[in-house]
């Protein structure tokens, strides 16, 4: 007896990945954010975002940091809100597609900490 064929079309790995929820895009609850920020103690939970103010020796050093951070954010396709005040740079991270904080934000926070 012949086996009946599955009526669903065969998906490529890329198609399967596109239909699966991505863990990095899943919104974290408050407890998960608190736990994740243990690895980023300089960052604070502010509303639906995480935020840190970096302080540099002068304006040029602050701008060099912003330039490096922008290049990395572009590479990751995850762009922070950036506020520059002379020698201070405030980064605010939130995943707009998820409506709040995701693992992508925590991961970018760690990268930015390493650049400072």
Protein backbone atom coordinates (compact mmCIF):
# COMPACT_ATOMS: atom_id res chain seq x y z
CA UNK A 1 0.00 0.00 0.00
CA UNK A 2 1.43 3.39 -0.99
CA UNK A 3 1.90 6.04 1.67
CA UNK A 4 -0.20 9.18 1.21
CA UNK A 5 1.75 12.34 0.58
CA UNK A 6 1.71 15.17 3.06
CA UNK A 7 -0.42 17.91 1.40
CA UNK A 8 1.70 20.69 2.91
CA UNK A 9 4.38 22.11 0.61
CA UNK A 10 7.98 21.40 1.57
CA UNK A 11 9.64 24.47 3.12
CA UNK A 12 13.24 25.46 2.73
CA UNK A 13 15.23 26.07 5.94
CA UNK A 14 14.98 29.84 5.30
CA UNK A 15 11.19 29.62 4.97
CA UNK A 16 10.96 27.59 8.16
CA UNK A 17 13.11 30.13 10.01
CA UNK A 18 10.94 32.98 8.76
CA UNK A 19 7.82 31.37 10.22
CA UNK A 20 9.37 30.54 13.61
CA UNK A 21 9.35 33.19 16.35
CA UNK A 22 12.88 34.44 16.92
CA UNK A 23 13.95 34.31 20.57
CA UNK A 24 15.91 37.54 20.17
CA UNK A 25 12.70 39.28 19.07
CA UNK A 26 10.50 38.05 21.93
CA UNK A 27 9.67 40.74 24.46
CA UNK A 28 11.15 40.14 27.90
CA UNK A 29 8.98 40.52 30.99
CA UNK A 30 10.15 42.68 33.92
CA UNK A 31 11.72 39.76 35.79
CA UNK A 32 13.62 38.67 32.69
CA UNK A 33 14.87 42.23 32.14
CA UNK A 34 16.03 42.47 35.76
CA UNK A 35 17.87 39.17 35.43
CA UNK A 36 19.42 40.09 32.06
CA UNK A 37 20.67 43.43 33.40
CA UNK A 38 22.72 41.64 36.05
CA UNK A 39 25.23 41.17 33.22
CA UNK A 40 25.01 44.91 32.38
CA UNK A 41 25.03 46.66 35.77
CA UNK A 42 25.49 50.17 34.31
CA UNK A 43 22.20 49.87 32.40
CA UNK A 44 18.83 50.78 33.85
CA UNK A 45 15.31 49.67 33.01
CA UNK A 46 13.40 52.78 31.93
CA UNK A 47 9.81 52.14 30.83
CA UNK A 48 9.89 49.92 27.75
CA UNK A 49 13.64 50.37 27.21
CA UNK A 50 17.05 49.96 28.79
CA UNK A 51 19.35 52.95 29.05
CA UNK A 52 22.88 53.93 29.96
CA UNK A 53 24.80 57.19 29.91
CA UNK A 54 28.45 56.84 28.94
CA UNK A 55 30.85 59.62 30.05
CA UNK A 56 34.02 60.40 28.09
CA UNK A 57 37.02 62.68 28.57
CA UNK A 58 35.83 65.12 25.91
CA UNK A 59 33.48 65.70 22.98
CA UNK A 60 35.73 64.07 20.37
CA UNK A 61 36.05 60.85 22.37
CA UNK A 62 32.27 60.79 22.80
CA UNK A 63 31.81 61.22 19.05
CA UNK A 64 34.30 58.45 18.26
CA UNK A 65 32.27 56.14 20.49
CA UNK A 66 29.05 57.14 18.72
CA UNK A 67 30.67 56.49 15.35
CA UNK A 68 31.76 52.98 16.40
CA UNK A 69 28.38 52.29 18.01
CA UNK A 70 26.54 53.41 14.88
CA UNK A 71 28.63 51.12 12.67
CA UNK A 72 27.95 48.14 14.93
CA UNK A 73 24.23 48.97 15.19
CA UNK A 74 24.03 49.11 11.40
CA UNK A 75 25.80 45.78 11.11
CA UNK A 76 23.33 44.23 13.57
CA UNK A 77 20.36 46.11 12.07
CA UNK A 78 19.39 47.17 15.59
CA UNK A 79 19.55 50.93 16.06
CA UNK A 80 19.61 52.67 19.46
CA UNK A 81 18.23 56.09 20.28
CA UNK A 82 21.29 58.26 20.90
CA UNK A 83 21.46 61.49 22.88
CA UNK A 84 24.76 63.40 22.82
CA UNK A 85 25.56 66.07 25.42
CA UNK A 86 29.17 67.20 24.95
CA UNK A 87 31.09 64.42 26.77
CA UNK A 88 28.02 62.31 27.63
CA UNK A 89 26.30 59.83 25.34
CA UNK A 90 23.01 58.28 26.43
CA UNK A 91 21.99 55.10 24.63
CA UNK A 92 18.39 53.92 24.84
CA UNK A 93 17.62 50.43 23.55
CA UNK A 94 14.22 48.97 22.74
CA UNK A 95 12.97 46.61 20.06
CA UNK A 96 10.17 48.57 18.44
CA UNK A 97 8.82 45.52 16.55
CA UNK A 98 8.29 43.73 19.88
CA UNK A 99 7.00 46.79 21.74
CA UNK A 100 9.64 46.62 24.44
CA UNK A 101 12.90 45.07 25.56
CA UNK A 102 14.20 41.90 23.92
CA UNK A 103 17.39 39.87 24.05
CA UNK A 104 18.62 41.92 21.07
CA UNK A 105 18.69 44.99 23.35
CA UNK A 106 20.61 43.18 26.07
CA UNK A 107 23.08 41.82 23.51
CA UNK A 108 23.66 45.28 22.02
CA UNK A 109 24.10 46.73 25.53
CA UNK A 110 26.91 44.25 26.14
CA UNK A 111 28.55 45.18 22.84
CA UNK A 112 28.34 48.89 23.65
CA UNK A 113 29.81 48.29 27.10
CA UNK A 114 32.76 46.61 25.43
CA UNK A 115 33.32 49.62 23.15
CA UNK A 116 33.33 52.24 25.90
